[in-house]
Protein backbone atom coordinates (compact mmCIF):
# COMPACT_ATOMS: atom_id res chain seq x y z
CA MET A 1 -18.41 78.59 0.48
CA GLN A 2 -21.77 78.59 -1.32
CA ARG A 3 -22.45 75.81 -3.86
CA ARG A 4 -22.68 78.40 -6.67
CA ASP A 5 -19.35 80.03 -5.74
CA PHE A 6 -17.65 76.64 -5.47
CA LEU A 7 -18.72 75.63 -8.97
CA THR A 8 -17.72 79.00 -10.43
CA SER A 9 -14.28 78.79 -8.84
CA ALA A 10 -13.70 75.45 -10.52
CA ALA A 11 -14.15 77.08 -13.92
CA GLY A 12 -11.24 79.42 -13.31
CA LEU A 13 -8.59 76.85 -12.41
CA THR A 14 -5.51 76.26 -14.54
CA ILE A 15 -5.90 73.89 -17.46
CA LEU A 16 -3.05 71.41 -17.95
CA LYS A 17 -2.46 71.75 -21.68
CA SER A 18 -0.79 68.42 -22.28
CA GLY A 19 -2.51 68.00 -25.65
CA LEU A 20 -2.51 64.23 -25.16
CA LEU A 21 -5.01 62.13 -27.01
CA ARG A 22 -6.02 58.59 -26.17
CA GLY A 23 -3.02 56.44 -25.26
CA GLN A 24 -0.51 58.86 -26.75
CA SER A 25 1.86 58.51 -23.81
CA ALA A 26 1.33 54.78 -23.22
CA PRO A 27 3.18 52.10 -25.22
CA SER A 28 0.18 49.81 -24.86
CA ASN A 29 -2.14 52.43 -26.37
CA LYS A 30 -4.38 52.15 -23.33
CA LEU A 31 -6.04 55.10 -21.69
CA ASN A 32 -5.07 56.14 -18.15
CA VAL A 33 -8.42 56.34 -16.38
CA ALA A 34 -9.57 57.59 -12.97
CA LEU A 35 -12.80 56.02 -11.71
CA MET A 36 -14.73 58.40 -9.46
CA GLY A 37 -17.28 56.41 -7.47
CA VAL A 38 -16.34 52.73 -7.55
CA TRP A 39 -19.67 51.19 -6.47
CA GLY A 40 -23.18 51.51 -7.91
CA ARG A 41 -22.84 52.59 -11.54
CA GLY A 42 -19.08 52.37 -11.15
CA THR A 43 -19.16 48.57 -11.08
CA ALA A 44 -21.11 48.54 -14.36
CA HIS A 45 -17.95 49.75 -16.12
CA TYR A 46 -15.48 47.26 -14.63
CA ASN A 47 -15.42 44.98 -17.68
CA VAL A 48 -14.65 47.89 -20.01
CA LEU A 49 -12.06 49.34 -17.65
CA ARG A 50 -10.18 46.03 -17.49
CA ASN A 51 -9.01 46.87 -21.02
CA GLU A 52 -7.60 50.25 -19.97
CA ASN A 53 -5.06 51.48 -17.42
CA VAL A 54 -7.03 52.30 -14.28
CA VAL A 55 -4.51 54.51 -12.52
CA ALA A 56 -6.77 56.01 -9.82
CA LEU A 57 -9.80 54.99 -7.74
CA CYS A 58 -11.78 57.49 -5.71
CA ASP A 59 -14.66 56.79 -3.32
CA VAL A 60 -15.88 58.16 0.02
CA ASN A 61 -16.36 54.60 1.31
CA ASP A 62 -13.01 52.98 2.13
CA ASN A 63 -14.50 49.47 2.03
CA ARG A 64 -15.75 49.99 -1.52
CA THR A 65 -12.34 51.32 -2.53
CA LYS A 66 -10.66 48.18 -1.13
CA GLU A 67 -13.04 46.00 -3.15
CA ALA A 68 -12.25 47.90 -6.33
CA LEU A 69 -8.55 47.70 -5.61
CA GLN A 70 -8.79 43.92 -5.86
CA ILE A 71 -9.86 44.39 -9.48
CA PHE A 72 -7.45 47.24 -10.29
CA PRO A 73 -4.46 46.62 -7.99
CA LYS A 74 -2.14 49.14 -9.67
CA ALA A 75 -4.40 52.13 -9.05
CA ARG A 76 -3.72 54.84 -6.50
CA THR A 77 -6.63 55.44 -4.12
CA TYR A 78 -8.32 58.61 -2.88
CA TRP A 79 -11.43 59.68 -0.98
CA ASP A 80 -11.25 63.32 -2.17
CA TRP A 81 -11.75 63.73 -5.92
CA ARG A 82 -9.96 67.09 -5.90
CA GLN A 83 -6.74 65.41 -4.80
CA CYS A 84 -7.33 62.64 -7.32
CA LEU A 85 -7.47 65.11 -10.20
CA ASP A 86 -4.01 66.37 -9.25
CA GLN A 87 -2.52 63.01 -10.28
CA LYS A 88 -0.50 63.93 -13.36
CA ASP A 89 -0.85 60.74 -15.44
CA ILE A 90 -4.67 60.72 -15.55
CA GLU A 91 -5.95 61.15 -19.11
CA ALA A 92 -9.66 60.44 -18.64
CA VAL A 93 -12.22 60.46 -15.83
CA MET A 94 -15.31 58.29 -15.38
CA ILE A 95 -17.79 59.93 -12.98
CA CYS A 96 -20.11 57.54 -11.13
CA THR A 97 -20.45 59.37 -7.81
CA ALA A 98 -23.62 60.68 -6.14
CA ASP A 99 -25.44 63.12 -8.42
CA HIS A 100 -24.55 66.31 -6.54
CA HIS A 101 -20.86 65.84 -7.34
CA HIS A 102 -21.20 65.24 -11.10
CA ALA A 103 -21.01 68.81 -12.40
CA PHE A 104 -18.10 69.73 -10.17
CA ILE A 105 -15.92 66.76 -11.04
CA ALA A 106 -16.73 67.10 -14.75
CA ASN A 107 -15.91 70.82 -14.76
CA TRP A 108 -12.64 70.41 -12.88
CA ALA A 109 -11.61 67.48 -15.10
CA LEU A 110 -12.32 69.37 -18.34
CA ASN A 111 -10.37 72.35 -17.05
CA ARG A 112 -7.40 70.05 -16.48
CA GLY A 113 -7.49 68.62 -19.98
CA LYS A 114 -9.09 65.26 -19.10
CA HIS A 115 -11.53 63.35 -21.27
CA VAL A 116 -14.82 62.88 -19.38
CA TYR A 117 -17.48 60.19 -19.18
CA CYS A 118 -20.21 61.29 -16.77
CA GLU A 119 -23.19 59.25 -15.66
CA LYS A 120 -26.51 61.08 -15.77
CA PRO A 121 -27.51 63.57 -14.57
CA LEU A 122 -24.83 66.04 -15.62
CA GLY A 123 -25.84 68.30 -12.70
CA ILE A 124 -28.66 68.93 -10.26
CA SER A 125 -29.44 72.48 -11.36
CA VAL A 126 -29.67 74.37 -14.65
CA GLU A 127 -26.77 76.57 -13.56
CA GLU A 128 -24.49 73.58 -12.95
CA VAL A 129 -25.22 72.08 -16.36
CA ARG A 130 -24.71 75.40 -18.15
CA THR A 131 -21.37 75.87 -16.41
CA VAL A 132 -20.15 72.42 -17.51
CA ARG A 133 -21.40 73.02 -21.05
CA ALA A 134 -19.53 76.32 -21.27
CA THR A 135 -16.32 74.58 -20.19
CA TYR A 136 -16.93 71.76 -22.66
CA LEU A 137 -17.41 74.20 -25.56
CA LYS A 138 -14.03 75.75 -24.84
CA ASN A 139 -12.34 72.33 -24.96
CA LYS A 140 -14.41 70.26 -27.40
CA ALA A 141 -11.78 70.29 -30.14
CA THR A 142 -9.32 68.31 -28.01
CA LEU A 143 -11.36 66.42 -25.40
CA ALA A 144 -13.75 63.48 -25.83
CA THR A 145 -16.90 63.54 -23.71
CA GLN A 146 -19.92 61.30 -23.21
CA HIS A 147 -23.01 61.52 -21.03
CA GLY A 148 -24.00 58.12 -19.65
CA THR A 149 -27.58 57.08 -20.43
CA GLN A 150 -27.01 53.41 -21.07
CA ARG A 151 -30.50 52.57 -22.40
CA HIS A 152 -29.87 54.80 -25.43
CA ALA A 153 -27.90 51.89 -26.89
CA PHE A 154 -31.14 49.92 -27.41
CA PRO A 155 -31.91 49.80 -31.17
CA ASN A 156 -35.53 50.76 -30.45
CA PHE A 157 -34.52 54.39 -29.89
CA GLU A 158 -33.38 54.76 -33.50
CA ARG A 159 -36.22 52.64 -34.90
CA LEU A 160 -38.73 55.01 -33.29
CA ARG A 161 -36.97 58.02 -34.76
CA GLU A 162 -37.03 56.49 -38.24
CA LEU A 163 -40.78 55.74 -38.00
CA ILE A 164 -41.53 59.34 -36.98
CA LEU A 165 -39.31 60.87 -39.67
CA ASP A 166 -40.71 58.54 -42.35
CA GLY A 167 -44.26 59.65 -41.55
CA ALA A 168 -45.52 56.32 -40.24
CA ILE A 169 -48.20 58.10 -38.16
CA GLY A 170 -48.55 61.23 -40.27
CA GLU A 171 -47.77 64.66 -38.88
CA LEU A 172 -46.58 64.52 -35.29
CA LYS A 173 -48.77 66.50 -32.88
CA THR A 174 -48.28 65.39 -29.25
CA VAL A 175 -45.87 63.12 -27.39
CA HIS A 176 -46.17 61.62 -23.91
CA SER A 177 -43.67 59.83 -21.68
CA TRP A 178 -43.85 58.54 -18.12
CA ASP A 179 -42.25 56.74 -15.18
CA SER A 180 -44.26 54.85 -12.54
CA ARG A 181 -41.83 54.84 -9.61
CA GLN A 182 -43.07 56.40 -6.36
CA LEU A 183 -40.61 57.34 -3.61
CA PRO A 184 -42.37 59.61 -1.09
CA ARG A 185 -40.16 61.32 1.51
CA PRO A 186 -41.43 63.35 4.49
CA GLY A 187 -38.27 65.48 4.64
CA TYR A 188 -34.54 65.16 5.19
CA PRO A 189 -33.71 62.35 7.64
CA GLN A 190 -33.08 63.31 11.26
CA VAL A 191 -29.59 62.89 12.70
CA GLN A 192 -28.98 59.27 13.66
CA GLY A 193 -25.66 58.35 15.24
CA MET A 194 -22.21 59.02 13.84
CA PRO A 195 -20.76 58.10 10.43
CA PRO A 196 -18.74 54.85 10.47
CA ASN A 197 -14.98 55.23 10.28
CA ILE A 198 -14.88 53.87 6.75
CA LEU A 199 -17.17 56.66 5.45
CA HIS A 200 -15.87 60.16 4.71
CA TYR A 201 -19.27 61.70 5.31
CA GLU A 202 -18.39 65.39 4.94
CA GLN A 203 -16.75 64.60 1.62
CA TRP A 204 -19.97 62.85 0.56
CA ILE A 205 -21.88 66.04 1.45
CA GLY A 206 -19.33 67.89 -0.68
CA PRO A 207 -20.58 71.14 -2.28
CA SER A 208 -24.15 70.76 -0.98
CA PRO A 209 -25.51 72.35 2.22
CA TYR A 210 -24.65 70.30 5.29
CA HIS A 211 -27.17 67.79 6.64
CA PRO A 212 -26.52 65.63 9.72
CA TYR A 213 -25.52 62.01 9.18
CA SER A 214 -28.21 59.38 8.83
CA PRO A 215 -27.78 55.79 7.63
CA GLN A 216 -30.98 56.32 5.62
CA TYR A 217 -28.87 57.98 2.91
CA PHE A 218 -26.83 54.82 2.37
CA GLY A 219 -29.29 51.94 1.98
CA GLY A 220 -30.14 49.86 -1.03
CA PRO A 221 -28.34 47.25 -3.14
CA ASN A 222 -25.67 47.96 -5.69
CA GLY A 223 -27.13 50.03 -8.54
CA LEU A 224 -30.18 51.15 -6.58
CA ASN A 225 -28.49 52.98 -3.73
CA CYS A 226 -29.26 56.29 -5.47
CA LEU A 227 -32.93 55.85 -4.54
CA PHE A 228 -32.04 56.58 -0.93
CA TRP A 229 -30.86 60.15 -1.56
CA ASN A 230 -31.86 61.40 -5.00
CA MET A 231 -35.34 62.62 -3.93
CA TYR A 232 -33.69 65.27 -1.71
CA ARG A 233 -33.06 68.47 -3.66
CA ASP A 234 -29.58 69.06 -2.20
CA PHE A 235 -28.41 65.64 -3.42
CA GLY A 236 -30.43 64.72 -6.51
CA VAL A 237 -33.02 65.61 -9.11
CA GLY A 238 -35.84 63.19 -8.34
CA GLN A 239 -37.65 61.05 -10.87
CA MET A 240 -37.65 63.46 -13.81
CA GLY A 241 -33.86 63.56 -13.77
CA ASP A 242 -33.44 59.90 -12.83
CA MET A 243 -35.70 57.60 -14.86
CA GLY A 244 -36.88 60.60 -16.86
CA ALA A 245 -33.40 60.82 -18.36
CA HIS A 246 -34.08 57.38 -19.85
CA THR A 247 -37.80 57.49 -20.68
CA MET A 248 -37.90 61.05 -21.96
CA ASP A 249 -34.92 60.12 -24.12
CA LEU A 250 -37.27 57.94 -26.18
CA VAL A 251 -39.10 61.15 -27.08
CA TRP A 252 -36.30 63.70 -27.31
CA ASN A 253 -34.31 61.42 -29.60
CA SER A 254 -37.16 61.49 -32.10
CA ILE A 255 -38.48 65.06 -32.13
CA ASP A 256 -35.38 67.21 -32.76
CA ALA A 257 -36.41 69.80 -30.20
CA GLY A 258 -34.33 72.55 -28.67
CA ALA A 259 -35.43 74.65 -25.72
CA PRO A 260 -39.21 74.90 -25.22
CA ILE A 261 -41.00 78.21 -25.63
CA ALA A 262 -43.18 77.47 -22.58
CA VAL A 263 -43.41 75.01 -19.70
CA GLU A 264 -46.60 74.34 -17.76
CA VAL A 265 -47.13 72.23 -14.63
CA ASP A 266 -50.58 70.74 -14.08
CA GLN A 267 -51.12 71.95 -10.52
CA ASP A 268 -54.37 70.01 -10.15
CA VAL A 269 -52.71 66.59 -10.26
CA SER A 270 -49.07 67.34 -9.34
CA ASP A 271 -47.64 67.48 -5.82
CA LYS A 272 -47.33 70.94 -4.33
CA PHE A 273 -43.87 72.48 -4.44
CA ASN A 274 -41.56 71.44 -1.59
CA PRO A 275 -38.18 73.23 -1.33
CA ASP A 276 -36.58 70.13 0.22
CA ILE A 277 -38.16 67.19 -1.60
CA THR A 278 -38.71 66.57 -5.31
CA PRO A 279 -42.30 65.69 -6.26
CA VAL A 280 -43.65 62.17 -6.45
CA LYS A 281 -46.63 63.00 -8.67
CA LEU A 282 -45.90 65.39 -11.51
CA LYS A 283 -47.41 66.26 -14.87
CA VAL A 284 -45.60 68.90 -16.89
CA SER A 285 -45.95 70.03 -20.52
CA PHE A 286 -43.16 71.40 -22.71
CA PHE A 287 -44.30 73.38 -25.75
CA HIS A 288 -41.89 73.27 -28.70
CA PRO A 289 -42.00 75.42 -31.83
CA ALA A 290 -42.00 73.98 -35.34
CA ASN A 291 -38.73 72.94 -36.92
CA SER A 292 -37.68 72.07 -40.48
CA TRP A 293 -39.67 68.83 -40.69
CA ARG A 294 -42.59 69.07 -38.23
CA GLY A 295 -45.04 71.57 -36.81
CA PRO A 296 -45.28 72.75 -33.18
CA ILE A 297 -45.75 69.95 -30.65
CA GLU A 298 -46.64 69.47 -26.99
CA ASN A 299 -44.32 67.15 -25.04
CA ILE A 300 -45.92 65.91 -21.80
CA TRP A 301 -44.14 64.16 -18.90
CA TYR A 302 -45.91 62.12 -16.19
CA GLN A 303 -44.56 60.48 -13.02
CA GLY A 304 -45.63 58.94 -9.74
CA GLY A 305 -48.51 56.93 -11.18
CA LEU A 306 -49.89 59.65 -13.48
CA LYS A 307 -50.16 58.49 -17.09
CA PRO A 308 -51.71 59.55 -20.40
CA LYS A 309 -54.96 58.14 -21.72
CA SER A 310 -54.52 54.81 -23.45
CA PRO A 311 -54.65 55.01 -27.26
CA LYS A 312 -56.99 51.99 -27.29
CA GLY A 313 -59.34 50.54 -24.70
CA PHE A 314 -57.73 47.10 -24.89
CA ILE A 315 -54.28 48.52 -23.97
CA ASP A 316 -53.65 48.99 -20.25
CA VAL A 317 -50.91 51.62 -19.93
CA ALA A 318 -51.04 51.11 -16.14
CA LYS A 319 -49.03 47.94 -16.73
CA ILE A 320 -46.27 49.81 -18.59
CA GLY A 321 -43.82 51.11 -16.00
CA ASN A 322 -41.85 53.33 -18.38
CA GLY A 323 -43.24 54.24 -21.76
CA ALA A 324 -43.94 56.78 -24.47
CA ILE A 325 -46.81 57.59 -26.84
CA PHE A 326 -46.40 59.49 -30.12
CA GLU A 327 -49.66 60.92 -31.50
CA GLY A 328 -49.86 61.81 -35.17
CA THR A 329 -52.57 62.73 -37.66
CA LYS A 330 -52.76 59.15 -38.98
CA GLY A 331 -52.03 57.03 -35.95
CA VAL A 332 -50.18 56.42 -32.70
CA ILE A 333 -46.94 54.70 -31.68
CA LEU A 334 -46.81 53.15 -28.19
CA ALA A 335 -43.32 52.23 -27.01
CA ASP A 336 -41.16 51.20 -24.11
CA PHE A 337 -37.36 50.92 -24.10
CA GLU A 338 -37.14 47.83 -26.32
CA SER A 339 -40.42 47.51 -28.22
CA ARG A 340 -42.96 49.57 -30.18
CA LEU A 341 -46.51 49.19 -31.48
CA ILE A 342 -48.08 51.18 -34.36
CA ILE A 343 -51.83 51.78 -34.02
CA PRO A 344 -53.69 53.34 -37.01
CA ASN A 345 -56.46 55.85 -36.43
CA ASN A 346 -60.04 54.69 -37.01
CA ILE A 347 -60.38 56.38 -40.39
CA MET A 348 -60.54 55.23 -43.99
CA ALA A 349 -57.82 52.78 -44.92
CA SER A 350 -56.48 55.15 -47.55
CA GLN A 351 -55.87 57.77 -44.87
CA ALA A 352 -54.55 55.51 -42.10
CA CYS A 353 -50.93 54.77 -41.19
CA ILE A 354 -48.70 54.26 -44.19
CA ASP A 355 -47.84 50.72 -45.24
CA LEU A 356 -44.33 50.26 -43.86
CA SER A 357 -43.46 47.97 -46.77
CA LEU A 358 -43.89 50.99 -49.05
CA LEU A 359 -41.57 53.34 -47.16
CA PRO A 360 -39.37 55.38 -49.51
CA PRO A 361 -35.81 54.05 -49.88
CA ARG A 362 -32.96 55.74 -48.10
CA THR A 363 -31.25 58.40 -50.18
CA ALA A 364 -27.71 58.25 -51.44
CA CYS A 365 -26.62 60.73 -48.79
CA ASP A 366 -27.18 58.10 -46.09
CA VAL A 367 -23.49 57.62 -45.55
CA SER A 368 -21.19 55.91 -43.14
CA ILE A 369 -17.50 56.52 -42.83
CA TYR A 370 -15.60 53.71 -41.23
CA VAL A 371 -12.11 54.65 -40.10
CA ALA A 372 -9.63 52.04 -38.91
CA ALA A 373 -5.91 52.21 -38.43
CA GLY A 374 -4.40 48.76 -38.22
CA GLY A 375 -4.63 48.74 -34.44
CA ASP A 376 -3.08 52.21 -34.12
CA LEU A 377 -5.59 54.26 -32.12
CA ASP A 378 -3.41 57.37 -32.22
CA ARG A 379 -3.50 57.27 -36.01
CA ALA A 380 -7.26 56.66 -36.02
CA ARG A 381 -7.84 59.64 -33.73
CA LYS A 382 -5.69 61.86 -35.94
CA ILE A 383 -7.68 60.90 -39.01
CA LEU A 384 -10.96 61.56 -37.22
CA LEU A 385 -9.75 64.99 -36.18
CA ASP A 386 -8.46 65.70 -39.67
CA LEU A 387 -11.89 64.85 -41.04
CA ALA A 388 -13.54 67.19 -38.58
CA LYS A 389 -11.21 70.02 -39.53
CA ALA A 390 -11.57 69.32 -43.25
CA HIS A 391 -15.33 69.85 -43.30
CA GLN A 392 -17.11 71.93 -40.68
CA LYS A 393 -20.40 70.03 -41.05
CA ILE A 394 -18.70 66.85 -39.91
CA ALA A 395 -18.93 67.06 -36.12
CA GLN A 396 -15.94 66.97 -33.83
CA VAL A 397 -15.15 63.51 -32.52
CA ASP A 398 -16.83 64.27 -29.19
CA GLY A 399 -19.58 66.52 -30.52
CA CYS A 400 -22.00 64.18 -32.25
CA ARG A 401 -25.63 63.77 -31.28
CA PHE A 402 -25.55 60.03 -30.63
CA THR A 403 -22.83 57.68 -29.42
CA ARG A 404 -22.88 53.95 -28.96
CA VAL A 405 -20.46 51.06 -28.81
CA THR A 406 -20.62 48.05 -31.10
CA SER A 407 -18.31 45.21 -31.96
CA LYS A 408 -16.94 47.43 -34.71
CA GLY A 409 -15.88 50.26 -32.43
CA VAL A 410 -17.25 53.56 -31.18
CA ILE A 411 -19.86 55.08 -33.47
CA LEU A 412 -20.60 58.82 -33.54
CA THR A 413 -23.50 60.04 -35.67
CA LEU A 414 -25.27 63.13 -37.00
CA ALA A 415 -27.49 64.07 -39.94
CA ALA A 416 -25.64 64.33 -43.23
CA SER A 417 -26.24 65.86 -46.64
CA THR A 418 -24.87 64.66 -49.96
CA ALA A 419 -22.24 67.39 -49.74
CA ASP A 420 -21.11 66.02 -46.39
CA ALA A 421 -20.81 62.53 -47.84
CA ASP A 422 -18.84 63.68 -50.88
CA ALA A 423 -16.51 65.87 -48.84
CA ALA A 424 -15.87 63.14 -46.29
CA ALA A 425 -15.22 60.52 -48.96
CA ALA A 426 -12.82 62.83 -50.76
CA ARG A 427 -10.95 63.62 -47.57
CA VAL A 428 -10.53 59.97 -46.63
CA ALA A 429 -9.27 59.27 -50.15
CA GLU A 430 -6.67 62.01 -49.68
CA LEU A 431 -5.59 60.30 -46.48
CA GLY A 432 -5.04 57.00 -48.27
CA GLY A 433 -8.47 55.49 -47.66
CA SER A 434 -10.70 53.52 -50.00
CA THR A 435 -14.43 53.43 -50.77
CA MET A 436 -16.78 50.47 -50.90
CA VAL A 437 -20.51 49.71 -51.06
CA GLY A 438 -22.19 47.18 -48.79
CA PRO A 439 -24.01 46.61 -45.49
CA MET A 440 -22.62 47.73 -42.16
CA ASP A 441 -23.70 48.01 -38.56
CA ILE A 442 -24.52 51.73 -38.81
CA GLU A 443 -27.99 53.21 -38.37
CA PRO A 444 -29.45 54.20 -41.78
CA GLY A 445 -29.97 57.89 -42.29
CA ARG A 446 -26.97 58.93 -40.26
CA PHE A 447 -23.43 60.05 -40.91
CA ALA A 448 -21.06 57.97 -38.82
CA VAL A 449 -17.40 57.89 -37.93
CA CYS A 450 -16.10 54.69 -36.38
CA ALA A 451 -12.68 54.18 -34.80
CA ASP A 452 -11.94 50.44 -34.84
CA PRO A 453 -8.77 49.42 -32.98
CA THR A 454 -8.75 46.04 -34.74
CA GLY A 455 -9.27 47.08 -38.37
CA GLY A 456 -6.54 47.14 -40.97
CA VAL A 457 -7.73 49.56 -43.69
CA PHE A 458 -9.60 52.81 -44.08
CA ASN A 459 -13.06 52.46 -45.58
CA VAL A 460 -15.67 54.94 -46.69
CA LEU A 461 -19.04 53.23 -46.87
CA GLN A 462 -21.95 54.86 -48.69
CA LEU A 463 -25.33 53.15 -48.28
CA LYS A 464 -27.13 53.34 -51.62
CA ALA A 465 -30.86 53.86 -52.01
CA GLY A 466 -32.77 50.74 -50.97
């Protein structure tokens, strides 16, 4: 069966309409989770999963499955994720497999009524991602989803966005982002021996075209093993979809851009197209139209050692492995994942970057809604869903632009207007909630809903100007 046909067939399978929300069938209020891919990124989630019911483990490497079983001894084990998804008590799926399986597992899980956490990338082709998105849209009212790009939790991502929106460098014109990693490959590895007995190699190949076994696909330490196969087009997306998913996120989080109107590859400096291997060197520009708060901009991506011109001669961007530059009419912001530097243009002081101490105060519509339920997650979920239904501009629980986890719970955010704040506050009051004014661990300028399993009251928090 062709990869395209296989993915399409998954979309037509029967959905198990259990209607269960988190922990609804478990006295302990814990979620029944299946972990797909127990090594690599899978191990990064072990500490979180210890607080849930891990009922299934799935991996193509039997030795890795045995190791995970020591941590989650009550789980059933599989090497075929299709069989795993037939296990009736699974409520949610965490997808940490090789990239070329992500879209298929996510699509099948959503069609069976499972909540989905999927490590990036969501797929290895535009068609795969669009198929998963279409399935998600049909189920978003009842299923929680999250795409795993762990660096997005760094506060710097939101600080950069605030600087851009507040006009710290004037009108935004051009943005740049880059990754320095270089992983040249001459072609798919040649056949080399037979797969070991502990490896279900054909299942690892999965929906991709068959390639003979080579141990070269399976090198590398935990967390970096993806670098041994993700440059091959049948198994991965190369650097733009790997580290680009993190570095470009610095930019995309700040520019509010939809689909570009044009894309242009700089053929003079980029590697020539290879149908088997993703490029090492690449420079590509995305041209975005104006939106409600900025004019048209050019968004440029560099990889494989290619980088933009430094904003100042004393700054060596060659030493910044992953970074971004925002160019405005009054200055430049240079950033990496955790830090940022504002550089004014060499013009009159009155026209240079604005004094950050004089930034306008946040408006009264900067609102946070904090929802807790005395330890009852089912009740918290119901209130969140009621809020979503009560006011269409309040996003569905799984449909917000930004998600992160703090000590206060899971925070979902989107832009809000005063009407949103008033409607949300009124609805929480109807549900028995209360309002208060004060500080909270919510990003300013966002509307947030937080489900806290340890809280005892409902609170609506409105951040006042200043």
